[in-house]
Every structure is written in structure tokens, then in C-alpha cells.
Amino acid sequence: MNSLKHIAVPTLFAALLVGLGGCAGMTAQEKSTAVGAGIGAVGGAVLTGGSTIGTVGGAAVGGVIGNEVGKRK
């Protein structure tokens, strides 16, 4: 199980970086939403020990917060 975390965490970060590379044509609000979802997913995974529900929940909460922050820019 521990070796799975050693593979999953770097893969998650790599996917996040590749995904954010496609943000060139996005508005500030869309970028904030995407970044918030990414940070929330990582935070949720870390806080819940890598559970899927924690990761998805963190992404949802982070996306909502990022969306609201992006509205103010």
C-alpha cells in the first residue's frame, strides 16, 4: 500500500502540471477555479490519507473557492 502512494502522488502532481499547461486561453476566473480544484484535490488527498472521497471533496471545495476568488479579479 505504501508503494502505491509513492506512485500516486507524483502522478497526481504531473497530471496537475500538464493540466495547468493548457490554461493559456482561460479567463482569470477559470484559471482560479482550476487552480483551486487542483490544490483542493491535493489537500483533500493528504488530509484523508489518499481516500478517493477526500480527494474529490477537496477538489470540489477548492474549485468553488477558486471560482469565488476569480470573480473578484
N, C-alpha and C. Protein backbone atom coordinates (compact mmCIF):
# COMPACT_ATOMS: atom_id res chain seq x y z
N MET A 1 0.82 -1.19 0.00
CA MET A 1 0.00 0.00 0.00
C MET A 1 0.86 1.26 0.00
N ASN A 2 1.95 1.24 0.73
CA ASN A 2 2.82 2.39 0.81
C ASN A 2 3.45 2.70 -0.54
N SER A 3 3.80 1.64 -1.32
CA SER A 3 4.39 1.88 -2.63
C SER A 3 3.38 2.50 -3.59
N LEU A 4 2.10 2.24 -3.38
CA LEU A 4 1.06 2.85 -4.21
C LEU A 4 1.05 4.37 -4.02
N LYS A 5 1.25 4.84 -2.80
CA LYS A 5 1.30 6.28 -2.54
C LYS A 5 2.52 6.90 -3.21
N HIS A 6 3.62 6.15 -3.27
CA HIS A 6 4.83 6.67 -3.91
C HIS A 6 4.63 6.83 -5.41
N ILE A 7 3.71 6.13 -5.98
CA ILE A 7 3.41 6.26 -7.40
C ILE A 7 2.28 7.26 -7.62
N ALA A 8 1.27 7.23 -6.77
CA ALA A 8 0.07 8.05 -6.97
C ALA A 8 0.34 9.54 -6.79
N VAL A 9 1.11 9.90 -5.78
CA VAL A 9 1.34 11.33 -5.51
C VAL A 9 2.12 12.00 -6.64
N PRO A 10 3.25 11.45 -7.10
CA PRO A 10 3.92 12.09 -8.24
C PRO A 10 3.08 12.10 -9.50
N THR A 11 2.28 11.07 -9.71
CA THR A 11 1.41 11.04 -10.88
C THR A 11 0.36 12.14 -10.79
N LEU A 12 -0.18 12.36 -9.61
CA LEU A 12 -1.16 13.43 -9.40
C LEU A 12 -0.54 14.79 -9.69
N PHE A 13 0.66 15.02 -9.18
CA PHE A 13 1.33 16.30 -9.44
C PHE A 13 1.65 16.48 -10.91
N ALA A 14 2.09 15.43 -11.58
CA ALA A 14 2.38 15.52 -13.01
C ALA A 14 1.11 15.84 -13.80
N ALA A 15 0.02 15.19 -13.46
CA ALA A 15 -1.25 15.47 -14.14
C ALA A 15 -1.70 16.90 -13.89
N LEU A 16 -1.49 17.39 -12.69
CA LEU A 16 -1.84 18.77 -12.37
C LEU A 16 -1.03 19.75 -13.20
N LEU A 17 0.27 19.50 -13.30
CA LEU A 17 1.12 20.40 -14.09
C LEU A 17 0.76 20.38 -15.57
N VAL A 18 0.51 19.21 -16.11
CA VAL A 18 0.12 19.10 -17.52
C VAL A 18 -1.23 19.78 -17.74
N GLY A 19 -2.15 19.57 -16.83
CA GLY A 19 -3.47 20.19 -16.95
C GLY A 19 -3.41 21.70 -16.89
N LEU A 20 -2.56 22.24 -16.01
CA LEU A 20 -2.45 23.68 -15.90
C LEU A 20 -1.71 24.29 -17.09
N GLY A 21 -0.96 23.48 -17.81
CA GLY A 21 -0.29 23.97 -19.01
C GLY A 21 -1.27 24.36 -20.10
N GLY A 22 -2.47 23.84 -20.06
CA GLY A 22 -3.49 24.16 -21.05
C GLY A 22 -4.34 25.36 -20.67
N CYS A 23 -3.92 26.14 -19.71
CA CYS A 23 -4.71 27.26 -19.21
C CYS A 23 -4.47 28.57 -19.95
N ALA A 24 -3.72 28.56 -21.03
CA ALA A 24 -3.33 29.80 -21.70
C ALA A 24 -4.52 30.61 -22.18
N GLY A 25 -5.56 29.98 -22.68
CA GLY A 25 -6.70 30.71 -23.22
C GLY A 25 -7.84 30.89 -22.24
N MET A 26 -7.60 30.65 -20.97
CA MET A 26 -8.67 30.72 -19.97
C MET A 26 -8.77 32.12 -19.37
N THR A 27 -9.95 32.46 -18.91
CA THR A 27 -10.13 33.71 -18.18
C THR A 27 -9.53 33.58 -16.79
N ALA A 28 -9.39 34.70 -16.10
CA ALA A 28 -8.84 34.67 -14.74
C ALA A 28 -9.72 33.84 -13.81
N GLN A 29 -11.03 33.92 -13.98
CA GLN A 29 -11.93 33.14 -13.12
C GLN A 29 -11.78 31.65 -13.39
N GLU A 30 -11.67 31.26 -14.66
CA GLU A 30 -11.50 29.85 -15.00
C GLU A 30 -10.17 29.31 -14.47
N LYS A 31 -9.12 30.14 -14.56
CA LYS A 31 -7.82 29.72 -14.02
C LYS A 31 -7.90 29.54 -12.51
N SER A 32 -8.54 30.48 -11.84
CA SER A 32 -8.68 30.38 -10.38
C SER A 32 -9.46 29.14 -9.97
N THR A 33 -10.48 28.81 -10.73
CA THR A 33 -11.27 27.62 -10.45
C THR A 33 -10.43 26.36 -10.62
N ALA A 34 -9.67 26.29 -11.71
CA ALA A 34 -8.82 25.12 -11.97
C ALA A 34 -7.73 24.97 -10.92
N VAL A 35 -7.08 26.06 -10.58
CA VAL A 35 -6.02 26.01 -9.56
C VAL A 35 -6.61 25.63 -8.21
N GLY A 36 -7.75 26.21 -7.86
CA GLY A 36 -8.40 25.88 -6.60
C GLY A 36 -8.78 24.41 -6.52
N ALA A 37 -9.28 23.86 -7.63
CA ALA A 37 -9.64 22.45 -7.66
C ALA A 37 -8.41 21.57 -7.50
N GLY A 38 -7.33 21.94 -8.16
CA GLY A 38 -6.09 21.16 -8.05
C GLY A 38 -5.52 21.18 -6.64
N ILE A 39 -5.46 22.36 -6.07
CA ILE A 39 -4.94 22.48 -4.70
C ILE A 39 -5.86 21.76 -3.72
N GLY A 40 -7.17 21.90 -3.93
CA GLY A 40 -8.12 21.22 -3.06
C GLY A 40 -8.01 19.71 -3.15
N ALA A 41 -7.78 19.20 -4.35
CA ALA A 41 -7.63 17.75 -4.53
C ALA A 41 -6.41 17.23 -3.79
N VAL A 42 -5.31 17.94 -3.93
CA VAL A 42 -4.09 17.52 -3.23
C VAL A 42 -4.29 17.62 -1.72
N GLY A 43 -4.87 18.73 -1.27
CA GLY A 43 -5.12 18.90 0.16
C GLY A 43 -6.06 17.84 0.71
N GLY A 44 -7.12 17.55 -0.04
CA GLY A 44 -8.06 16.52 0.40
C GLY A 44 -7.42 15.15 0.46
N ALA A 45 -6.56 14.85 -0.51
CA ALA A 45 -5.87 13.56 -0.51
C ALA A 45 -4.91 13.44 0.67
N VAL A 46 -4.21 14.52 0.96
CA VAL A 46 -3.25 14.50 2.07
C VAL A 46 -3.98 14.39 3.41
N LEU A 47 -5.03 15.16 3.57
CA LEU A 47 -5.73 15.17 4.86
C LEU A 47 -6.46 13.87 5.16
N THR A 48 -6.90 13.16 4.12
CA THR A 48 -7.65 11.93 4.35
C THR A 48 -6.82 10.68 4.09
N GLY A 49 -5.54 10.85 3.91
CA GLY A 49 -4.69 9.69 3.69
C GLY A 49 -4.84 9.08 2.31
N GLY A 50 -5.26 9.86 1.34
CA GLY A 50 -5.35 9.38 -0.03
C GLY A 50 -6.68 8.78 -0.42
N SER A 51 -7.71 8.98 0.39
CA SER A 51 -9.02 8.40 0.03
C SER A 51 -9.61 9.14 -1.17
N THR A 52 -10.33 8.41 -1.98
CA THR A 52 -10.94 8.99 -3.17
C THR A 52 -11.97 10.05 -2.81
N ILE A 53 -12.76 9.78 -1.81
CA ILE A 53 -13.80 10.73 -1.40
C ILE A 53 -13.17 12.03 -0.91
N GLY A 54 -12.09 11.93 -0.15
CA GLY A 54 -11.40 13.13 0.32
C GLY A 54 -10.81 13.93 -0.82
N THR A 55 -10.25 13.23 -1.81
CA THR A 55 -9.66 13.92 -2.96
C THR A 55 -10.73 14.63 -3.77
N VAL A 56 -11.82 13.95 -4.07
CA VAL A 56 -12.90 14.55 -4.86
C VAL A 56 -13.56 15.68 -4.07
N GLY A 57 -13.79 15.47 -2.79
CA GLY A 57 -14.37 16.52 -1.96
C GLY A 57 -13.49 17.75 -1.89
N GLY A 58 -12.19 17.53 -1.73
CA GLY A 58 -11.24 18.65 -1.71
C GLY A 58 -11.23 19.40 -3.03
N ALA A 59 -11.30 18.66 -4.14
CA ALA A 59 -11.33 19.31 -5.45
C ALA A 59 -12.59 20.15 -5.62
N ALA A 60 -13.71 19.63 -5.16
CA ALA A 60 -14.97 20.37 -5.28
C ALA A 60 -14.94 21.65 -4.45
N VAL A 61 -14.51 21.53 -3.21
CA VAL A 61 -14.45 22.70 -2.34
C VAL A 61 -13.43 23.70 -2.88
N GLY A 62 -12.27 23.22 -3.30
CA GLY A 62 -11.25 24.11 -3.84
C GLY A 62 -11.71 24.81 -5.11
N GLY A 63 -12.44 24.09 -5.95
CA GLY A 63 -12.96 24.69 -7.18
C GLY A 63 -13.96 25.80 -6.90
N VAL A 64 -14.82 25.58 -5.92
CA VAL A 64 -15.80 26.61 -5.55
C VAL A 64 -15.09 27.84 -4.98
N ILE A 65 -14.12 27.62 -4.11
CA ILE A 65 -13.39 28.74 -3.53
C ILE A 65 -12.61 29.48 -4.62
N GLY A 66 -11.94 28.74 -5.49
CA GLY A 66 -11.21 29.37 -6.58
C GLY A 66 -12.11 30.16 -7.50
N ASN A 67 -13.30 29.65 -7.77
CA ASN A 67 -14.27 30.35 -8.61
C ASN A 67 -14.67 31.69 -7.98
N GLU A 68 -14.92 31.66 -6.68
CA GLU A 68 -15.30 32.90 -5.99
C GLU A 68 -14.16 33.89 -5.96
N VAL A 69 -12.95 33.42 -5.73
CA VAL A 69 -11.79 34.31 -5.72
C VAL A 69 -11.58 34.91 -7.11
N GLY A 70 -11.78 34.10 -8.15
CA GLY A 70 -11.61 34.58 -9.52
C GLY A 70 -12.60 35.64 -9.91
N LYS A 71 -13.76 35.68 -9.31
CA LYS A 71 -14.77 36.70 -9.61
C LYS A 71 -14.30 38.07 -9.18
N ARG A 72 -13.44 38.12 -8.18
CA ARG A 72 -13.01 39.40 -7.62
C ARG A 72 -11.85 40.02 -8.38
N LYS A 73 -11.26 39.29 -9.31
CA LYS A 73 -10.10 39.81 -10.05
C LYS A 73 -10.54 40.67 -11.20
